[in-house]
Amino acid sequence: MYKVFTRTWWRENPDWPNGLEPHIGKKKYISKANSEEQAQWICQRYNETHEAGRLSLKAEYEDA
């Protein structure tokens, strides 16, 4: 069993170059998967259909 989630990799900070500071955001769980292949597919579909934006919001997965 795997948990699929989204999180950002940057946060706004005007004191950093380009106004972005590296920062691992809080996980927001969006789905569960029965296999690693299914988890990878969910992440791939999410990342293909959602704009990552300035803070680089992306889907990932972990063991449940």
PDB file of N, CA and C in Angstrom:
ATOM      1  N   MET A   1       0.854  -1.178   0.000  1.00  0.00           N
ATOM      2  CA  MET A   1       0.000   0.000   0.000  1.00  0.00           C
ATOM      3  C   MET A   1       0.899   1.240   0.000  1.00  0.00           C
ATOM      4  N   TYR A   2       0.499   2.236  -0.771  1.00  0.00           N
ATOM      5  CA  TYR A   2       1.249   3.489  -0.892  1.00  0.00           C
ATOM      6  C   TYR A   2       0.307   4.674  -0.715  1.00  0.00           C
ATOM      7  N   LYS A   3       0.846   5.764  -0.166  1.00  0.00           N
ATOM      8  CA  LYS A   3       0.107   7.018  -0.035  1.00  0.00           C
ATOM      9  C   LYS A   3       0.677   8.003  -1.042  1.00  0.00           C
ATOM     10  N   VAL A   4      -0.221   8.659  -1.775  1.00  0.00           N
ATOM     11  CA  VAL A   4       0.180   9.668  -2.761  1.00  0.00           C
ATOM     12  C   VAL A   4      -0.133  11.045  -2.172  1.00  0.00           C
ATOM     13  N   PHE A   5       0.803  11.972  -2.321  1.00  0.00           N
ATOM     14  CA  PHE A   5       0.637  13.297  -1.743  1.00  0.00           C
ATOM     15  C   PHE A   5       1.265  14.358  -2.642  1.00  0.00           C
ATOM     16  N   THR A   6       0.928  15.603  -2.365  1.00  0.00           N
ATOM     17  CA  THR A   6       1.564  16.733  -3.041  1.00  0.00           C
ATOM     18  C   THR A   6       2.283  17.566  -1.996  1.00  0.00           C
ATOM     19  N   ARG A   7       3.302  18.278  -2.439  1.00  0.00           N
ATOM     20  CA  ARG A   7       3.979  19.249  -1.593  1.00  0.00           C
ATOM     21  C   ARG A   7       4.819  20.170  -2.469  1.00  0.00           C
ATOM     22  N   THR A   8       5.155  21.308  -1.917  1.00  0.00           N
ATOM     23  CA  THR A   8       5.987  22.277  -2.618  1.00  0.00           C
ATOM     24  C   THR A   8       7.447  22.091  -2.212  1.00  0.00           C
ATOM     25  N   TRP A   9       8.346  22.660  -3.024  1.00  0.00           N
ATOM     26  CA  TRP A   9       9.783  22.556  -2.760  1.00  0.00           C
ATOM     27  C   TRP A   9      10.433  23.912  -2.523  1.00  0.00           C
ATOM     28  N   TRP A  10       9.653  24.981  -2.610  1.00  0.00           N
ATOM     29  CA  TRP A  10      10.159  26.341  -2.404  1.00  0.00           C
ATOM     30  C   TRP A  10       9.162  27.139  -1.594  1.00  0.00           C
ATOM     31  N   ARG A  11       9.633  28.251  -1.000  1.00  0.00           N
ATOM     32  CA  ARG A  11       8.728  29.199  -0.377  1.00  0.00           C
ATOM     33  C   ARG A  11       9.217  30.604  -0.713  1.00  0.00           C
ATOM     34  N   GLU A  12       8.275  31.517  -0.694  1.00  0.00           N
ATOM     35  CA  GLU A  12       8.591  32.912  -0.991  1.00  0.00           C
ATOM     36  C   GLU A  12       9.484  33.481   0.106  1.00  0.00           C
ATOM     37  N   ASN A  13      10.562  34.154  -0.305  1.00  0.00           N
ATOM     38  CA  ASN A  13      11.439  34.854   0.633  1.00  0.00           C
ATOM     39  C   ASN A  13      12.186  35.928  -0.152  1.00  0.00           C
ATOM     40  N   PRO A  14      11.823  37.184   0.019  1.00  0.00           N
ATOM     41  CA  PRO A  14      12.427  38.261  -0.774  1.00  0.00           C
ATOM     42  C   PRO A  14      13.924  38.440  -0.527  1.00  0.00           C
ATOM     43  N   ASP A  15      14.463  37.863   0.541  1.00  0.00           N
ATOM     44  CA  ASP A  15      15.890  37.985   0.831  1.00  0.00           C
ATOM     45  C   ASP A  15      16.747  36.974   0.063  1.00  0.00           C
ATOM     46  N   TRP A  16      16.109  36.028  -0.598  1.00  0.00           N
ATOM     47  CA  TRP A  16      16.833  35.017  -1.363  1.00  0.00           C
ATOM     48  C   TRP A  16      16.854  35.400  -2.845  1.00  0.00           C
ATOM     49  N   PRO A  17      17.858  34.893  -3.592  1.00  0.00           N
ATOM     50  CA  PRO A  17      17.880  35.147  -5.039  1.00  0.00           C
ATOM     51  C   PRO A  17      16.562  34.698  -5.692  1.00  0.00           C
ATOM     52  N   ASN A  18      16.064  35.502  -6.588  1.00  0.00           N
ATOM     53  CA  ASN A  18      14.814  35.218  -7.301  1.00  0.00           C
ATOM     54  C   ASN A  18      13.605  35.167  -6.361  1.00  0.00           C
ATOM     55  N   GLY A  19      13.788  35.556  -5.096  1.00  0.00           N
ATOM     56  CA  GLY A  19      12.682  35.600  -4.146  1.00  0.00           C
ATOM     57  C   GLY A  19      12.201  34.249  -3.665  1.00  0.00           C
ATOM     58  N   LEU A  20      12.972  33.180  -3.906  1.00  0.00           N
ATOM     59  CA  LEU A  20      12.574  31.833  -3.501  1.00  0.00           C
ATOM     60  C   LEU A  20      13.635  31.194  -2.619  1.00  0.00           C
ATOM     61  N   GLU A  21      13.181  30.606  -1.529  1.00  0.00           N
ATOM     62  CA  GLU A  21      14.058  29.894  -0.604  1.00  0.00           C
ATOM     63  C   GLU A  21      13.726  28.400  -0.676  1.00  0.00           C
ATOM     64  N   PRO A  22      14.731  27.507  -0.737  1.00  0.00           N
ATOM     65  CA  PRO A  22      14.424  26.077  -0.704  1.00  0.00           C
ATOM     66  C   PRO A  22      13.674  25.722   0.579  1.00  0.00           C
ATOM     67  N   HIS A  23      12.594  24.968   0.433  1.00  0.00           N
ATOM     68  CA  HIS A  23      11.772  24.607   1.589  1.00  0.00           C
ATOM     69  C   HIS A  23      10.876  23.442   1.205  1.00  0.00           C
ATOM     70  N   ILE A  24      10.956  22.370   1.962  1.00  0.00           N
ATOM     71  CA  ILE A  24      10.084  21.215   1.727  1.00  0.00           C
ATOM     72  C   ILE A  24       8.766  21.477   2.444  1.00  0.00           C
ATOM     73  N   GLY A  25       7.699  21.596   1.665  1.00  0.00           N
ATOM     74  CA  GLY A  25       6.390  21.917   2.213  1.00  0.00           C
ATOM     75  C   GLY A  25       5.708  20.744   2.899  1.00  0.00           C
ATOM     76  N   LYS A  26       4.626  21.051   3.566  1.00  0.00           N
ATOM     77  CA  LYS A  26       3.815  20.050   4.258  1.00  0.00           C
ATOM     78  C   LYS A  26       3.136  19.133   3.239  1.00  0.00           C
ATOM     79  N   LYS A  27       3.075  17.839   3.550  1.00  0.00           N
ATOM     80  CA  LYS A  27       2.431  16.866   2.671  1.00  0.00           C
ATOM     81  C   LYS A  27       0.917  17.019   2.738  1.00  0.00           C
ATOM     82  N   LYS A  28       0.282  16.970   1.558  1.00  0.00           N
ATOM     83  CA  LYS A  28      -1.178  16.963   1.479  1.00  0.00           C
ATOM     84  C   LYS A  28      -1.562  15.673   0.742  1.00  0.00           C
ATOM     85  N   TYR A  29      -2.121  14.723   1.470  1.00  0.00           N
ATOM     86  CA  TYR A  29      -2.440  13.412   0.887  1.00  0.00           C
ATOM     87  C   TYR A  29      -3.637  13.521  -0.052  1.00  0.00           C
ATOM     88  N   ILE A  30      -3.488  12.899  -1.234  1.00  0.00           N
ATOM     89  CA  ILE A  30      -4.533  13.008  -2.251  1.00  0.00           C
ATOM     90  C   ILE A  30      -5.085  11.659  -2.703  1.00  0.00           C
ATOM     91  N   SER A  31      -4.362  10.556  -2.422  1.00  0.00           N
ATOM     92  CA  SER A  31      -4.823   9.265  -2.911  1.00  0.00           C
ATOM     93  C   SER A  31      -4.056   8.136  -2.218  1.00  0.00           C
ATOM     94  N   LYS A  32      -4.530   6.910  -2.430  1.00  0.00           N
ATOM     95  CA  LYS A  32      -3.840   5.695  -1.990  1.00  0.00           C
ATOM     96  C   LYS A  32      -3.683   4.795  -3.206  1.00  0.00           C
ATOM     97  N   ALA A  33      -2.674   3.929  -3.160  1.00  0.00           N
ATOM     98  CA  ALA A  33      -2.438   2.997  -4.265  1.00  0.00           C
ATOM     99  C   ALA A  33      -2.094   1.626  -3.691  1.00  0.00           C
ATOM    100  N   ASN A  34      -2.495   0.577  -4.408  1.00  0.00           N
ATOM    101  CA  ASN A  34      -2.238  -0.792  -3.966  1.00  0.00           C
ATOM    102  C   ASN A  34      -0.866  -1.304  -4.385  1.00  0.00           C
ATOM    103  N   SER A  35      -0.248  -0.656  -5.377  1.00  0.00           N
ATOM    104  CA  SER A  35       1.066  -1.084  -5.857  1.00  0.00           C
ATOM    105  C   SER A  35       1.924   0.142  -6.154  1.00  0.00           C
ATOM    106  N   GLU A  36       3.228  -0.070  -6.222  1.00  0.00           N
ATOM    107  CA  GLU A  36       4.125   1.043  -6.546  1.00  0.00           C
ATOM    108  C   GLU A  36       3.868   1.544  -7.965  1.00  0.00           C
ATOM    109  N   GLU A  37       3.563   0.640  -8.874  1.00  0.00           N
ATOM    110  CA  GLU A  37       3.265   1.036 -10.251  1.00  0.00           C
ATOM    111  C   GLU A  37       2.044   1.946 -10.312  1.00  0.00           C
ATOM    112  N   GLN A  38       1.026   1.612  -9.538  1.00  0.00           N
ATOM    113  CA  GLN A  38      -0.177   2.440  -9.489  1.00  0.00           C
ATOM    114  C   GLN A  38       0.141   3.812  -8.885  1.00  0.00           C
ATOM    115  N   ALA A  39       0.946   3.841  -7.843  1.00  0.00           N
ATOM    116  CA  ALA A  39       1.346   5.109  -7.217  1.00  0.00           C
ATOM    117  C   ALA A  39       2.121   5.974  -8.208  1.00  0.00           C
ATOM    118  N   GLN A  40       3.026   5.361  -8.950  1.00  0.00           N
ATOM    119  CA  GLN A  40       3.788   6.097  -9.964  1.00  0.00           C
ATOM    120  C   GLN A  40       2.859   6.661 -11.031  1.00  0.00           C
ATOM    121  N   TRP A  41       1.883   5.874 -11.455  1.00  0.00           N
ATOM    122  CA  TRP A  41       0.932   6.317 -12.478  1.00  0.00           C
ATOM    123  C   TRP A  41       0.117   7.501 -11.975  1.00  0.00           C
ATOM    124  N   ILE A  42      -0.354   7.439 -10.730  1.00  0.00           N
ATOM    125  CA  ILE A  42      -1.138   8.544 -10.154  1.00  0.00           C
ATOM    126  C   ILE A  42      -0.292   9.810 -10.121  1.00  0.00           C
ATOM    127  N   CYS A  43       0.956   9.696  -9.664  1.00  0.00           N
ATOM    128  CA  CYS A  43       1.847  10.859  -9.612  1.00  0.00           C
ATOM    129  C   CYS A  43       2.093  11.424 -11.007  1.00  0.00           C
ATOM    130  N   GLN A  44       2.360  10.547 -11.957  1.00  0.00           N
ATOM    131  CA  GLN A  44       2.625  10.997 -13.328  1.00  0.00           C
ATOM    132  C   GLN A  44       1.418  11.738 -13.901  1.00  0.00           C
ATOM    133  N   ARG A  45       0.246  11.178 -13.729  1.00  0.00           N
ATOM    134  CA  ARG A  45      -0.979  11.830 -14.237  1.00  0.00           C
ATOM    135  C   ARG A  45      -1.194  13.180 -13.561  1.00  0.00           C
ATOM    136  N   TYR A  46      -1.024  13.247 -12.247  1.00  0.00           N
ATOM    137  CA  TYR A  46      -1.200  14.505 -11.528  1.00  0.00           C
ATOM    138  C   TYR A  46      -0.211  15.548 -12.053  1.00  0.00           C
ATOM    139  N   ASN A  47       1.049  15.169 -12.144  1.00  0.00           N
ATOM    140  CA  ASN A  47       2.078  16.124 -12.553  1.00  0.00           C
ATOM    141  C   ASN A  47       1.924  16.568 -14.014  1.00  0.00           C
ATOM    142  N   GLU A  48       1.342  15.722 -14.840  1.00  0.00           N
ATOM    143  CA  GLU A  48       1.092  16.090 -16.241  1.00  0.00           C
ATOM    144  C   GLU A  48      -0.117  17.024 -16.385  1.00  0.00           C
ATOM    145  N   THR A  49      -1.051  16.939 -15.467  1.00  0.00           N
ATOM    146  CA  THR A  49      -2.303  17.697 -15.619  1.00  0.00           C
ATOM    147  C   THR A  49      -2.409  18.897 -14.680  1.00  0.00           C
ATOM    148  N   HIS A  50      -1.396  19.127 -13.844  1.00  0.00           N
ATOM    149  CA  HIS A  50      -1.389  20.261 -12.916  1.00  0.00           C
ATOM    150  C   HIS A  50      -0.099  21.052 -13.088  1.00  0.00           C
ATOM    151  N   GLU A  51      -0.228  22.351 -13.196  1.00  0.00           N
ATOM    152  CA  GLU A  51       0.932  23.234 -13.305  1.00  0.00           C
ATOM    153  C   GLU A  51       1.661  23.266 -11.958  1.00  0.00           C
ATOM    154  N   ALA A  52       2.972  23.024 -11.973  1.00  0.00           N
ATOM    155  CA  ALA A  52       3.762  23.015 -10.741  1.00  0.00           C
ATOM    156  C   ALA A  52       3.862  24.406 -10.121  1.00  0.00           C
ATOM    157  N   GLY A  53       3.837  25.435 -10.961  1.00  0.00           N
ATOM    158  CA  GLY A  53       3.863  26.802 -10.473  1.00  0.00           C
ATOM    159  C   GLY A  53       5.212  27.218  -9.898  1.00  0.00           C
ATOM    160  N   ARG A  54       5.236  28.411  -9.405  1.00  0.00           N
ATOM    161  CA  ARG A  54       6.464  29.025  -8.897  1.00  0.00           C
ATOM    162  C   ARG A  54       7.077  28.246  -7.728  1.00  0.00           C
ATOM    163  N   LEU A  55       6.246  27.633  -6.902  1.00  0.00           N
ATOM    164  CA  LEU A  55       6.747  26.927  -5.719  1.00  0.00           C
ATOM    165  C   LEU A  55       7.011  25.446  -5.975  1.00  0.00           C
ATOM    166  N   SER A  56       6.828  24.999  -7.216  1.00  0.00           N
ATOM    167  CA  SER A  56       7.102  23.627  -7.653  1.00  0.00           C
ATOM    168  C   SER A  56       6.279  22.593  -6.880  1.00  0.00           C
ATOM    169  N   LEU A  57       4.955  22.721  -6.958  1.00  0.00           N
ATOM    170  CA  LEU A  57       4.035  21.775  -6.332  1.00  0.00           C
ATOM    171  C   LEU A  57       3.976  20.518  -7.182  1.00  0.00           C
ATOM    172  N   LYS A  58       4.338  19.382  -6.607  1.00  0.00           N
ATOM    173  CA  LYS A  58       4.378  18.120  -7.363  1.00  0.00           C
ATOM    174  C   LYS A  58       3.849  16.972  -6.518  1.00  0.00           C
ATOM    175  N   ALA A  59       3.391  15.915  -7.211  1.00  0.00           N
ATOM    176  CA  ALA A  59       2.914  14.711  -6.538  1.00  0.00           C
ATOM    177  C   ALA A  59       4.076  13.745  -6.326  1.00  0.00           C
ATOM    178  N   GLU A  60       4.015  13.062  -5.179  1.00  0.00           N
ATOM    179  CA  GLU A  60       5.005  12.038  -4.817  1.00  0.00           C
ATOM    180  C   GLU A  60       4.250  10.925  -4.101  1.00  0.00           C
ATOM    181  N   TYR A  61       4.969   9.849  -3.735  1.00  0.00           N
ATOM    182  CA  TYR A  61       4.341   8.786  -2.981  1.00  0.00           C
ATOM    183  C   TYR A  61       5.321   8.217  -1.958  1.00  0.00           C
ATOM    184  N   GLU A  62       4.751   7.494  -0.975  1.00  0.00           N
ATOM    185  CA  GLU A  62       5.545   6.856   0.065  1.00  0.00           C
ATOM    186  C   GLU A  62       4.854   5.570   0.494  1.00  0.00           C
ATOM    187  N   ASP A  63       5.602   4.677   1.126  1.00  0.00           N
ATOM    188  CA  ASP A  63       5.016   3.476   1.711  1.00  0.00           C
ATOM    189  C   ASP A  63       3.996   3.845   2.767  1.00  0.00           C
ATOM    190  N   ALA A  64       2.885   3.130   2.765  1.00  0.00           N
ATOM    191  CA  ALA A  64       1.849   3.394   3.773  1.00  0.00           C
ATOM    192  C   ALA A  64       2.119   2.625   5.040  1.00  0.00           C
TER     193      ALA A  64
END
